Amino acid sequence: MAKKAEQRRNQILKAAFQAAVEKGYESVTLQDIADYADVSKGVTNYYFKNKADVFAHLFEWITNRIYEKESASIDKMETAIEKLEAYINQVFISPEENKAFYRVYLDFLAQINNNDQYKEINQQFYENCWSIGRDIIKQGIEEKVFKVDHIEQATISIRFIIDGSLIQWLMRDDDSLHGYYRTLCHNSILQILNFKM
């Protein structure tokens, strides 16, 4: 029974994501989410209190999955450089997936000032991202390939280079530039880490 309930919740969350990609957070209603999930509005109300609750669970679910995938891609690698490369490749997963995520994520960020739960979810997402960057930096210092005086500053910088690169790519609305921005992002991070060949 618990498994069926989890499957139904995930079905609704995926539907909420698709609705937000196509309509935008502000325009999406609980009825839209139910329609996209192919369930009644009553079913959506059974699992979630309201639209804000659906999206809180959605963003927690998405950001946790992103972190798990990024961590898994890094765990397969040995050196700091390989881990950084795997991290960037996982972040720049594909034009379609990046576009869908950032369209919804930017809408989500616009709601943060009005919702403490959203703030907490976003903070946890960044803590997870920073932990990945921090571990890569520390390993690179040990391997003597990175020269970093301020680890925390470099840790935060890695993520704002990633997000800034993807947001700028998204605003240019040209899928063919995805690889260019991936390379630019990677090279910019290597510069702040003072990468030594």
N, C-alpha and C. Protein backbone atom coordinates (compact mmCIF):
# COMPACT_ATOMS: atom_id res chain seq x y z
N MET A 1 0.83 -1.21 0.00
CA MET A 1 0.00 0.00 0.00
C MET A 1 0.87 1.27 0.00
N ALA A 2 1.92 1.23 0.83
CA ALA A 2 2.81 2.39 0.91
C ALA A 2 3.49 2.64 -0.42
N LYS A 3 3.85 1.55 -1.12
CA LYS A 3 4.50 1.70 -2.42
C LYS A 3 3.56 2.34 -3.43
N LYS A 4 2.30 1.94 -3.42
CA LYS A 4 1.31 2.51 -4.34
C LYS A 4 1.12 4.00 -4.06
N ALA A 5 1.09 4.34 -2.77
CA ALA A 5 0.94 5.75 -2.40
C ALA A 5 2.13 6.56 -2.87
N GLU A 6 3.33 6.00 -2.74
CA GLU A 6 4.54 6.70 -3.19
C GLU A 6 4.52 6.87 -4.71
N GLN A 7 4.07 5.84 -5.42
CA GLN A 7 3.98 5.93 -6.88
C GLN A 7 2.98 7.01 -7.30
N ARG A 8 1.86 7.09 -6.59
CA ARG A 8 0.84 8.09 -6.92
C ARG A 8 1.37 9.50 -6.63
N ARG A 9 2.06 9.65 -5.52
CA ARG A 9 2.65 10.97 -5.19
C ARG A 9 3.67 11.38 -6.26
N ASN A 10 4.52 10.44 -6.67
CA ASN A 10 5.52 10.74 -7.70
C ASN A 10 4.85 11.07 -9.03
N GLN A 11 3.77 10.39 -9.33
CA GLN A 11 3.00 10.68 -10.55
C GLN A 11 2.50 12.13 -10.52
N ILE A 12 2.01 12.55 -9.38
CA ILE A 12 1.50 13.92 -9.24
C ILE A 12 2.64 14.93 -9.31
N LEU A 13 3.77 14.61 -8.69
CA LEU A 13 4.91 15.53 -8.71
C LEU A 13 5.46 15.69 -10.13
N LYS A 14 5.56 14.60 -10.86
CA LYS A 14 6.02 14.68 -12.26
C LYS A 14 5.05 15.51 -13.09
N ALA A 15 3.78 15.34 -12.82
CA ALA A 15 2.75 16.12 -13.54
C ALA A 15 2.87 17.61 -13.20
N ALA A 16 3.13 17.91 -11.94
CA ALA A 16 3.29 19.31 -11.51
C ALA A 16 4.49 19.92 -12.22
N PHE A 17 5.57 19.16 -12.34
CA PHE A 17 6.75 19.66 -13.03
C PHE A 17 6.44 19.96 -14.49
N GLN A 18 5.78 19.03 -15.16
CA GLN A 18 5.44 19.22 -16.57
C GLN A 18 4.50 20.41 -16.76
N ALA A 19 3.54 20.54 -15.86
CA ALA A 19 2.61 21.67 -15.93
C ALA A 19 3.36 22.99 -15.76
N ALA A 20 4.31 23.02 -14.82
CA ALA A 20 5.08 24.25 -14.58
C ALA A 20 6.00 24.58 -15.75
N VAL A 21 6.57 23.55 -16.39
CA VAL A 21 7.41 23.77 -17.57
C VAL A 21 6.59 24.43 -18.67
N GLU A 22 5.38 23.95 -18.87
CA GLU A 22 4.57 24.42 -19.99
C GLU A 22 3.79 25.69 -19.69
N LYS A 23 3.38 25.88 -18.41
CA LYS A 23 2.49 27.00 -18.09
C LYS A 23 3.13 28.07 -17.20
N GLY A 24 4.18 27.68 -16.46
CA GLY A 24 4.77 28.59 -15.48
C GLY A 24 4.09 28.43 -14.13
N TYR A 25 4.85 28.60 -13.07
CA TYR A 25 4.37 28.37 -11.70
C TYR A 25 3.08 29.15 -11.42
N GLU A 26 3.08 30.43 -11.73
CA GLU A 26 1.94 31.30 -11.38
C GLU A 26 0.64 30.82 -12.01
N SER A 27 0.73 30.32 -13.24
CA SER A 27 -0.48 29.94 -13.97
C SER A 27 -1.01 28.57 -13.59
N VAL A 28 -0.16 27.72 -13.03
CA VAL A 28 -0.57 26.35 -12.73
C VAL A 28 -1.54 26.31 -11.56
N THR A 29 -2.62 25.56 -11.69
CA THR A 29 -3.58 25.36 -10.61
C THR A 29 -3.54 23.89 -10.19
N LEU A 30 -4.17 23.60 -9.06
CA LEU A 30 -4.27 22.20 -8.63
C LEU A 30 -5.03 21.36 -9.67
N GLN A 31 -6.02 21.98 -10.31
CA GLN A 31 -6.76 21.27 -11.35
C GLN A 31 -5.84 20.92 -12.52
N ASP A 32 -4.96 21.86 -12.89
CA ASP A 32 -3.98 21.58 -13.96
C ASP A 32 -3.11 20.38 -13.59
N ILE A 33 -2.64 20.38 -12.36
CA ILE A 33 -1.77 19.29 -11.90
C ILE A 33 -2.52 17.96 -11.97
N ALA A 34 -3.75 17.98 -11.51
CA ALA A 34 -4.58 16.76 -11.57
C ALA A 34 -4.77 16.32 -13.01
N ASP A 35 -5.04 17.27 -13.90
CA ASP A 35 -5.24 16.94 -15.32
C ASP A 35 -3.97 16.33 -15.93
N TYR A 36 -2.82 16.94 -15.64
CA TYR A 36 -1.55 16.42 -16.18
C TYR A 36 -1.25 15.03 -15.62
N ALA A 37 -1.66 14.78 -14.37
CA ALA A 37 -1.42 13.48 -13.73
C ALA A 37 -2.48 12.45 -14.12
N ASP A 38 -3.54 12.94 -14.77
CA ASP A 38 -4.66 12.08 -15.16
C ASP A 38 -5.33 11.45 -13.93
N VAL A 39 -5.53 12.32 -12.92
CA VAL A 39 -6.25 11.92 -11.70
C VAL A 39 -7.27 13.01 -11.39
N SER A 40 -8.15 12.74 -10.43
CA SER A 40 -9.11 13.77 -10.03
C SER A 40 -8.42 14.77 -9.11
N LYS A 41 -8.99 15.95 -9.01
CA LYS A 41 -8.45 16.97 -8.11
C LYS A 41 -8.49 16.47 -6.67
N GLY A 42 -9.48 15.65 -6.36
CA GLY A 42 -9.59 15.07 -5.02
C GLY A 42 -8.39 14.21 -4.66
N VAL A 43 -7.87 13.48 -5.65
CA VAL A 43 -6.68 12.65 -5.42
C VAL A 43 -5.48 13.55 -5.10
N THR A 44 -5.34 14.63 -5.85
CA THR A 44 -4.24 15.58 -5.58
C THR A 44 -4.38 16.16 -4.18
N ASN A 45 -5.59 16.52 -3.80
CA ASN A 45 -5.84 17.07 -2.46
C ASN A 45 -5.62 16.04 -1.35
N TYR A 46 -5.77 14.77 -1.67
CA TYR A 46 -5.54 13.72 -0.68
C TYR A 46 -4.06 13.64 -0.30
N TYR A 47 -3.20 13.82 -1.30
CA TYR A 47 -1.76 13.68 -1.07
C TYR A 47 -1.07 14.99 -0.69
N PHE A 48 -1.65 16.12 -1.09
CA PHE A 48 -1.01 17.42 -0.84
C PHE A 48 -2.04 18.43 -0.35
N LYS A 49 -1.60 19.32 0.54
CA LYS A 49 -2.52 20.30 1.15
C LYS A 49 -3.00 21.35 0.15
N ASN A 50 -2.08 21.81 -0.70
CA ASN A 50 -2.41 22.88 -1.64
C ASN A 50 -1.29 22.95 -2.70
N LYS A 51 -1.38 23.91 -3.57
CA LYS A 51 -0.39 24.06 -4.64
C LYS A 51 1.01 24.29 -4.07
N ALA A 52 1.14 25.13 -3.06
CA ALA A 52 2.45 25.40 -2.47
C ALA A 52 3.06 24.13 -1.89
N ASP A 53 2.22 23.29 -1.32
CA ASP A 53 2.70 22.02 -0.76
C ASP A 53 3.17 21.07 -1.86
N VAL A 54 2.42 21.03 -2.97
CA VAL A 54 2.84 20.20 -4.11
C VAL A 54 4.23 20.64 -4.57
N PHE A 55 4.39 21.96 -4.74
CA PHE A 55 5.66 22.45 -5.27
C PHE A 55 6.80 22.34 -4.26
N ALA A 56 6.50 22.43 -2.98
CA ALA A 56 7.54 22.21 -1.97
C ALA A 56 8.07 20.79 -2.09
N HIS A 57 7.17 19.83 -2.18
CA HIS A 57 7.58 18.43 -2.33
C HIS A 57 8.28 18.20 -3.68
N LEU A 58 7.79 18.87 -4.71
CA LEU A 58 8.40 18.74 -6.03
C LEU A 58 9.84 19.22 -6.01
N PHE A 59 10.09 20.39 -5.45
CA PHE A 59 11.45 20.94 -5.47
C PHE A 59 12.39 20.16 -4.57
N GLU A 60 11.86 19.67 -3.48
CA GLU A 60 12.69 18.83 -2.62
C GLU A 60 13.07 17.54 -3.36
N TRP A 61 12.10 16.95 -4.02
CA TRP A 61 12.31 15.71 -4.78
C TRP A 61 13.30 15.93 -5.92
N ILE A 62 13.10 16.99 -6.71
CA ILE A 62 13.98 17.26 -7.85
C ILE A 62 15.40 17.56 -7.39
N THR A 63 15.55 18.45 -6.41
CA THR A 63 16.89 18.84 -5.98
C THR A 63 17.63 17.67 -5.33
N ASN A 64 16.91 16.81 -4.62
CA ASN A 64 17.55 15.62 -4.06
C ASN A 64 18.02 14.67 -5.15
N ARG A 65 17.20 14.50 -6.18
CA ARG A 65 17.58 13.63 -7.30
C ARG A 65 18.79 14.18 -8.05
N ILE A 66 18.82 15.50 -8.23
CA ILE A 66 19.96 16.13 -8.90
C ILE A 66 21.23 15.86 -8.10
N TYR A 67 21.16 16.07 -6.80
CA TYR A 67 22.32 15.84 -5.94
C TYR A 67 22.77 14.38 -5.99
N GLU A 68 21.82 13.47 -5.94
CA GLU A 68 22.16 12.04 -6.00
C GLU A 68 22.85 11.68 -7.31
N LYS A 69 22.36 12.22 -8.43
CA LYS A 69 22.96 11.92 -9.73
C LYS A 69 24.36 12.54 -9.83
N GLU A 70 24.49 13.78 -9.34
CA GLU A 70 25.80 14.43 -9.38
C GLU A 70 26.80 13.66 -8.52
N SER A 71 26.39 13.27 -7.33
CA SER A 71 27.28 12.51 -6.43
C SER A 71 27.67 11.17 -7.05
N ALA A 72 26.70 10.50 -7.65
CA ALA A 72 26.98 9.20 -8.26
C ALA A 72 27.97 9.33 -9.42
N SER A 73 27.84 10.39 -10.21
CA SER A 73 28.75 10.57 -11.34
C SER A 73 30.17 10.83 -10.87
N ILE A 74 30.30 11.53 -9.76
CA ILE A 74 31.62 11.86 -9.21
C ILE A 74 32.26 10.65 -8.54
N ASP A 75 31.45 9.85 -7.88
CA ASP A 75 31.96 8.68 -7.15
C ASP A 75 32.65 7.67 -8.07
N LYS A 76 32.31 7.72 -9.36
CA LYS A 76 32.92 6.78 -10.32
C LYS A 76 34.33 7.19 -10.71
N MET A 77 34.71 8.43 -10.39
CA MET A 77 36.00 8.96 -10.82
C MET A 77 37.02 8.94 -9.69
N GLU A 78 38.29 9.02 -10.08
CA GLU A 78 39.35 8.93 -9.08
C GLU A 78 39.98 10.28 -8.76
N THR A 79 40.44 11.00 -9.78
CA THR A 79 41.17 12.25 -9.52
C THR A 79 40.20 13.43 -9.41
N ALA A 80 40.70 14.51 -8.84
CA ALA A 80 39.89 15.72 -8.69
C ALA A 80 39.48 16.28 -10.04
N ILE A 81 40.39 16.25 -11.01
CA ILE A 81 40.08 16.77 -12.35
C ILE A 81 38.99 15.93 -13.00
N GLU A 82 39.08 14.61 -12.86
CA GLU A 82 38.05 13.73 -13.41
C GLU A 82 36.71 13.98 -12.73
N LYS A 83 36.74 14.20 -11.43
CA LYS A 83 35.51 14.45 -10.69
C LYS A 83 34.87 15.78 -11.10
N LEU A 84 35.71 16.79 -11.29
CA LEU A 84 35.19 18.08 -11.74
C LEU A 84 34.56 17.94 -13.11
N GLU A 85 35.23 17.24 -14.00
CA GLU A 85 34.70 17.02 -15.36
C GLU A 85 33.36 16.28 -15.30
N ALA A 86 33.28 15.24 -14.46
CA ALA A 86 32.04 14.47 -14.32
C ALA A 86 30.92 15.34 -13.75
N TYR A 87 31.28 16.18 -12.79
CA TYR A 87 30.30 17.09 -12.18
C TYR A 87 29.73 18.05 -13.22
N ILE A 88 30.61 18.66 -14.00
CA ILE A 88 30.15 19.61 -15.02
C ILE A 88 29.32 18.90 -16.08
N ASN A 89 29.75 17.71 -16.48
CA ASN A 89 28.98 16.95 -17.47
C ASN A 89 27.59 16.59 -16.96
N GLN A 90 27.50 16.25 -15.67
CA GLN A 90 26.20 15.91 -15.09
C GLN A 90 25.31 17.14 -14.96
N VAL A 91 25.92 18.27 -14.63
CA VAL A 91 25.15 19.51 -14.52
C VAL A 91 24.63 19.93 -15.90
N PHE A 92 25.50 19.92 -16.89
CA PHE A 92 25.12 20.25 -18.26
C PHE A 92 24.63 18.96 -18.95
N ILE A 93 23.55 18.41 -18.43
CA ILE A 93 23.13 17.06 -18.84
C ILE A 93 22.61 17.02 -20.27
N SER A 94 21.77 17.97 -20.65
CA SER A 94 21.30 18.08 -22.03
C SER A 94 20.51 19.38 -22.16
N PRO A 95 20.44 19.95 -23.36
CA PRO A 95 19.67 21.18 -23.52
C PRO A 95 18.22 21.03 -23.05
N GLU A 96 17.59 19.89 -23.37
CA GLU A 96 16.18 19.71 -23.02
C GLU A 96 15.99 19.67 -21.49
N GLU A 97 16.81 18.87 -20.81
CA GLU A 97 16.65 18.73 -19.36
C GLU A 97 17.05 20.00 -18.62
N ASN A 98 18.12 20.65 -19.07
CA ASN A 98 18.53 21.90 -18.44
C ASN A 98 17.47 22.98 -18.61
N LYS A 99 16.91 23.05 -19.81
CA LYS A 99 15.89 24.06 -20.09
C LYS A 99 14.66 23.85 -19.20
N ALA A 100 14.20 22.62 -19.12
CA ALA A 100 13.02 22.32 -18.30
C ALA A 100 13.29 22.64 -16.83
N PHE A 101 14.43 22.19 -16.31
CA PHE A 101 14.72 22.42 -14.90
C PHE A 101 14.84 23.90 -14.59
N TYR A 102 15.63 24.64 -15.36
CA TYR A 102 15.87 26.04 -15.01
C TYR A 102 14.65 26.92 -15.22
N ARG A 103 13.80 26.58 -16.17
CA ARG A 103 12.55 27.34 -16.31
C ARG A 103 11.71 27.22 -15.05
N VAL A 104 11.60 26.00 -14.53
CA VAL A 104 10.81 25.78 -13.32
C VAL A 104 11.54 26.32 -12.10
N TYR A 105 12.85 26.11 -12.06
CA TYR A 105 13.65 26.55 -10.91
C TYR A 105 13.62 28.07 -10.74
N LEU A 106 13.72 28.80 -11.84
CA LEU A 106 13.67 30.26 -11.76
C LEU A 106 12.31 30.74 -11.26
N ASP A 107 11.26 30.05 -11.70
CA ASP A 107 9.91 30.36 -11.16
C ASP A 107 9.86 30.08 -9.66
N PHE A 108 10.46 28.98 -9.26
CA PHE A 108 10.52 28.60 -7.85
C PHE A 108 11.25 29.67 -7.04
N LEU A 109 12.39 30.14 -7.54
CA LEU A 109 13.15 31.16 -6.82
C LEU A 109 12.34 32.45 -6.63
N ALA A 110 11.50 32.74 -7.60
CA ALA A 110 10.67 33.95 -7.51
C ALA A 110 9.67 33.86 -6.37
N GLN A 111 9.37 32.64 -5.89
CA GLN A 111 8.39 32.44 -4.82
C GLN A 111 9.03 32.40 -3.42
N ILE A 112 10.36 32.36 -3.36
CA ILE A 112 11.05 32.06 -2.11
C ILE A 112 10.74 33.07 -1.00
N ASN A 113 10.66 34.35 -1.34
CA ASN A 113 10.44 35.37 -0.30
C ASN A 113 9.11 35.18 0.43
N ASN A 114 8.18 34.48 -0.18
CA ASN A 114 6.86 34.28 0.42
C ASN A 114 6.68 32.92 1.07
N ASN A 115 7.74 32.10 1.08
CA ASN A 115 7.57 30.74 1.56
C ASN A 115 8.84 30.24 2.24
N ASP A 116 8.79 30.12 3.57
CA ASP A 116 9.97 29.69 4.33
C ASP A 116 10.39 28.27 3.98
N GLN A 117 9.42 27.42 3.68
CA GLN A 117 9.75 26.04 3.32
C GLN A 117 10.55 26.01 2.02
N TYR A 118 10.19 26.85 1.05
CA TYR A 118 10.94 26.94 -0.20
C TYR A 118 12.37 27.40 0.08
N LYS A 119 12.52 28.37 1.00
CA LYS A 119 13.86 28.85 1.36
C LYS A 119 14.71 27.72 1.90
N GLU A 120 14.14 26.91 2.78
CA GLU A 120 14.88 25.80 3.39
C GLU A 120 15.29 24.77 2.34
N ILE A 121 14.39 24.47 1.42
CA ILE A 121 14.69 23.50 0.37
C ILE A 121 15.83 24.01 -0.51
N ASN A 122 15.76 25.28 -0.87
CA ASN A 122 16.81 25.86 -1.72
C ASN A 122 18.14 25.91 -0.98
N GLN A 123 18.10 26.25 0.30
CA GLN A 123 19.34 26.28 1.08
C GLN A 123 19.97 24.89 1.15
N GLN A 124 19.14 23.87 1.35
CA GLN A 124 19.66 22.50 1.39
C GLN A 124 20.26 22.10 0.05
N PHE A 125 19.61 22.52 -1.03
CA PHE A 125 20.13 22.24 -2.36
C PHE A 125 21.52 22.83 -2.52
N TYR A 126 21.68 24.08 -2.10
CA TYR A 126 23.00 24.71 -2.21
C TYR A 126 24.01 24.08 -1.27
N GLU A 127 23.59 23.70 -0.08
CA GLU A 127 24.52 23.00 0.83
C GLU A 127 25.03 21.72 0.16
N ASN A 128 24.13 20.99 -0.50
CA ASN A 128 24.53 19.77 -1.21
C ASN A 128 25.50 20.08 -2.34
N CYS A 129 25.18 21.11 -3.12
CA CYS A 129 26.06 21.51 -4.23
C CYS A 129 27.43 21.92 -3.70
N TRP A 130 27.43 22.71 -2.64
CA TRP A 130 28.70 23.17 -2.06
C TRP A 130 29.52 22.01 -1.53
N SER A 131 28.87 21.00 -0.99
CA SER A 131 29.61 19.85 -0.45
C SER A 131 30.36 19.13 -1.58
N ILE A 132 29.73 19.04 -2.75
CA ILE A 132 30.39 18.42 -3.91
C ILE A 132 31.62 19.24 -4.30
N GLY A 133 31.41 20.54 -4.48
CA GLY A 133 32.52 21.42 -4.87
C GLY A 133 33.64 21.41 -3.84
N ARG A 134 33.27 21.45 -2.59
CA ARG A 134 34.27 21.48 -1.50
C ARG A 134 35.14 20.22 -1.52
N ASP A 135 34.50 19.07 -1.70
CA ASP A 135 35.25 17.81 -1.72
C ASP A 135 36.20 17.75 -2.92
N ILE A 136 35.75 18.23 -4.06
CA ILE A 136 36.61 18.24 -5.26
C ILE A 136 37.80 19.16 -5.03
N ILE A 137 37.54 20.35 -4.48
CA ILE A 137 38.61 21.31 -4.22
C ILE A 137 39.64 20.73 -3.26
N LYS A 138 39.18 20.15 -2.17
CA LYS A 138 40.10 19.60 -1.17
C LYS A 138 40.96 18.48 -1.77
N GLN A 139 40.33 17.63 -2.56
CA GLN A 139 41.10 16.56 -3.19
C GLN A 139 42.12 17.14 -4.17
N GLY A 140 41.71 18.16 -4.93
CA GLY A 140 42.62 18.80 -5.88
C GLY A 140 43.80 19.46 -5.21
N ILE A 141 43.57 20.03 -4.03
CA ILE A 141 44.67 20.63 -3.26
C ILE A 141 45.63 19.54 -2.80
N GLU A 142 45.07 18.44 -2.31
CA GLU A 142 45.91 17.30 -1.88
C GLU A 142 46.72 16.74 -3.04
N GLU A 143 46.10 16.71 -4.22
CA GLU A 143 46.79 16.19 -5.41
C GLU A 143 47.73 17.23 -6.03
N LYS A 144 47.71 18.45 -5.45
CA LYS A 144 48.56 19.56 -5.92
C LYS A 144 48.25 19.99 -7.36
N VAL A 145 46.98 19.86 -7.75
CA VAL A 145 46.57 20.36 -9.06
C VAL A 145 45.77 21.66 -8.94
N PHE A 146 45.24 21.94 -7.75
CA PHE A 146 44.54 23.21 -7.50
C PHE A 146 45.32 23.99 -6.45
N LYS A 147 45.35 25.30 -6.64
CA LYS A 147 45.96 26.17 -5.63
C LYS A 147 44.86 27.15 -5.19
N VAL A 148 44.30 26.88 -4.03
CA VAL A 148 43.16 27.65 -3.54
C VAL A 148 43.46 28.14 -2.12
N ASP A 149 43.40 29.45 -1.92
CA ASP A 149 43.66 30.02 -0.60
C ASP A 149 42.40 30.02 0.27
N HIS A 150 41.25 30.24 -0.36
CA HIS A 150 39.99 30.33 0.39
C HIS A 150 39.03 29.26 -0.14
N ILE A 151 38.99 28.12 0.51
CA ILE A 151 38.20 26.98 0.03
C ILE A 151 36.72 27.31 -0.02
N GLU A 152 36.19 27.95 1.03
CA GLU A 152 34.74 28.24 1.04
C GLU A 152 34.35 29.21 -0.06
N GLN A 153 35.19 30.20 -0.29
CA GLN A 153 34.91 31.17 -1.35
C GLN A 153 34.91 30.47 -2.72
N ALA A 154 35.89 29.61 -2.94
CA ALA A 154 35.96 28.88 -4.21
C ALA A 154 34.79 27.92 -4.35
N THR A 155 34.38 27.30 -3.24
CA THR A 155 33.24 26.39 -3.23
C THR A 155 31.97 27.08 -3.71
N ILE A 156 31.70 28.24 -3.15
CA ILE A 156 30.51 29.02 -3.54
C ILE A 156 30.64 29.49 -4.98
N SER A 157 31.85 29.90 -5.37
CA SER A 157 32.07 30.40 -6.72
C SER A 157 31.78 29.34 -7.79
N ILE A 158 32.13 28.10 -7.50
CA ILE A 158 31.87 27.03 -8.47
C ILE A 158 30.39 26.99 -8.82
N ARG A 159 29.54 27.06 -7.80
CA ARG A 159 28.11 26.93 -8.09
C ARG A 159 27.55 28.17 -8.77
N PHE A 160 28.06 29.37 -8.42
CA PHE A 160 27.48 30.51 -9.12
C PHE A 160 27.98 30.60 -10.55
N ILE A 161 29.14 30.04 -10.84
CA ILE A 161 29.58 29.95 -12.24
C ILE A 161 28.68 28.98 -13.00
N ILE A 162 28.37 27.85 -12.37
CA ILE A 162 27.48 26.86 -13.01
C ILE A 162 26.11 27.47 -13.29
N ASP A 163 25.48 28.02 -12.26
CA ASP A 163 24.13 28.57 -12.44
C ASP A 163 24.14 29.75 -13.40
N GLY A 164 25.15 30.61 -13.27
CA GLY A 164 25.23 31.78 -14.16
C GLY A 164 25.39 31.35 -15.62
N SER A 165 26.22 30.34 -15.84
CA SER A 165 26.43 29.84 -17.21
C SER A 165 25.15 29.28 -17.80
N LEU A 166 24.45 28.47 -17.01
CA LEU A 166 23.22 27.84 -17.51
C LEU A 166 22.10 28.86 -17.70
N ILE A 167 22.00 29.83 -16.81
CA ILE A 167 20.95 30.84 -16.96
C ILE A 167 21.22 31.71 -18.18
N GLN A 168 22.49 32.10 -18.38
CA GLN A 168 22.81 32.90 -19.55
C GLN A 168 22.55 32.11 -20.84
N TRP A 169 22.93 30.82 -20.83
CA TRP A 169 22.63 29.97 -21.99
C TRP A 169 21.12 29.92 -22.24
N LEU A 170 20.34 29.73 -21.18
CA LEU A 170 18.88 29.66 -21.31
C LEU A 170 18.32 30.96 -21.90
N MET A 171 18.83 32.09 -21.45
CA MET A 171 18.33 33.38 -21.93
C MET A 171 18.65 33.61 -23.41
N ARG A 172 19.69 32.98 -23.89
CA ARG A 172 20.06 33.14 -25.31
C ARG A 172 19.18 32.31 -26.22
N ASP A 173 18.47 31.33 -25.64
CA ASP A 173 17.48 30.54 -26.38
C ASP A 173 18.06 29.92 -27.65
N ASP A 174 19.23 29.30 -27.48
CA ASP A 174 19.88 28.66 -28.63
C ASP A 174 20.54 27.37 -28.12
N ASP A 175 19.88 26.25 -28.38
CA ASP A 175 20.38 24.96 -27.90
C ASP A 175 21.78 24.64 -28.39
N SER A 176 22.14 25.17 -29.55
CA SER A 176 23.47 24.86 -30.11
C SER A 176 24.60 25.44 -29.27
N LEU A 177 24.30 26.38 -28.39
CA LEU A 177 25.32 26.99 -27.54
C LEU A 177 25.54 26.23 -26.23
N HIS A 178 24.80 25.17 -26.01
CA HIS A 178 24.88 24.41 -24.76
C HIS A 178 26.30 23.92 -24.50
N GLY A 179 26.94 23.32 -25.50
CA GLY A 179 28.31 22.82 -25.35
C GLY A 179 29.30 23.94 -25.13
N TYR A 180 29.08 25.06 -25.80
CA TYR A 180 29.96 26.23 -25.64
C TYR A 180 29.92 26.71 -24.19
N TYR A 181 28.72 26.82 -23.63
CA TYR A 181 28.60 27.30 -22.24
C TYR A 181 29.14 26.26 -21.25
N ARG A 182 29.01 24.99 -21.60
CA ARG A 182 29.59 23.95 -20.74
C ARG A 182 31.11 24.12 -20.66
N THR A 183 31.74 24.31 -21.84
CA THR A 183 33.19 24.50 -21.90
C THR A 183 33.61 25.77 -21.18
N LEU A 184 32.86 26.84 -21.41
CA LEU A 184 33.16 28.13 -20.76
C LEU A 184 33.07 27.99 -19.24
N CYS A 185 32.04 27.31 -18.78
CA CYS A 185 31.84 27.08 -17.34
C CYS A 185 33.02 26.28 -16.78
N HIS A 186 33.38 25.20 -17.44
CA HIS A 186 34.47 24.34 -17.00
C HIS A 186 35.78 25.12 -16.92
N ASN A 187 36.10 25.88 -17.97
CA ASN A 187 37.34 26.65 -17.99
C ASN A 187 37.36 27.75 -16.93
N SER A 188 36.21 28.37 -16.70
CA SER A 188 36.12 29.42 -15.68
C SER A 188 36.37 28.86 -14.28
N ILE A 189 35.83 27.67 -14.03
CA ILE A 189 36.06 27.03 -12.73
C ILE A 189 37.52 26.65 -12.57
N LEU A 190 38.14 26.13 -13.60
CA LEU A 190 39.57 25.80 -13.53
C LEU A 190 40.41 27.04 -13.24
N GLN A 191 39.99 28.19 -13.77
CA GLN A 191 40.73 29.43 -13.50
C GLN A 191 40.66 29.82 -12.03
N ILE A 192 39.47 29.73 -11.43
CA ILE A 192 39.38 30.13 -10.02
C ILE A 192 40.07 29.13 -9.10
N LEU A 193 40.24 27.91 -9.59
CA LEU A 193 40.94 26.89 -8.80
C LEU A 193 42.45 26.91 -9.07
N ASN A 194 42.89 27.83 -9.95
CA ASN A 194 44.31 27.92 -10.30
C ASN A 194 44.86 26.55 -10.68
N PHE A 195 44.19 25.93 -11.62
CA PHE A 195 44.55 24.57 -12.06
C PHE A 195 45.98 24.56 -12.60
N LYS A 196 46.76 23.60 -12.09
CA LYS A 196 48.15 23.43 -12.53
C LYS A 196 48.27 22.11 -13.29
N MET A 197 48.76 22.18 -14.50
CA MET A 197 48.98 20.96 -15.31
C MET A 197 50.11 20.14 -14.71
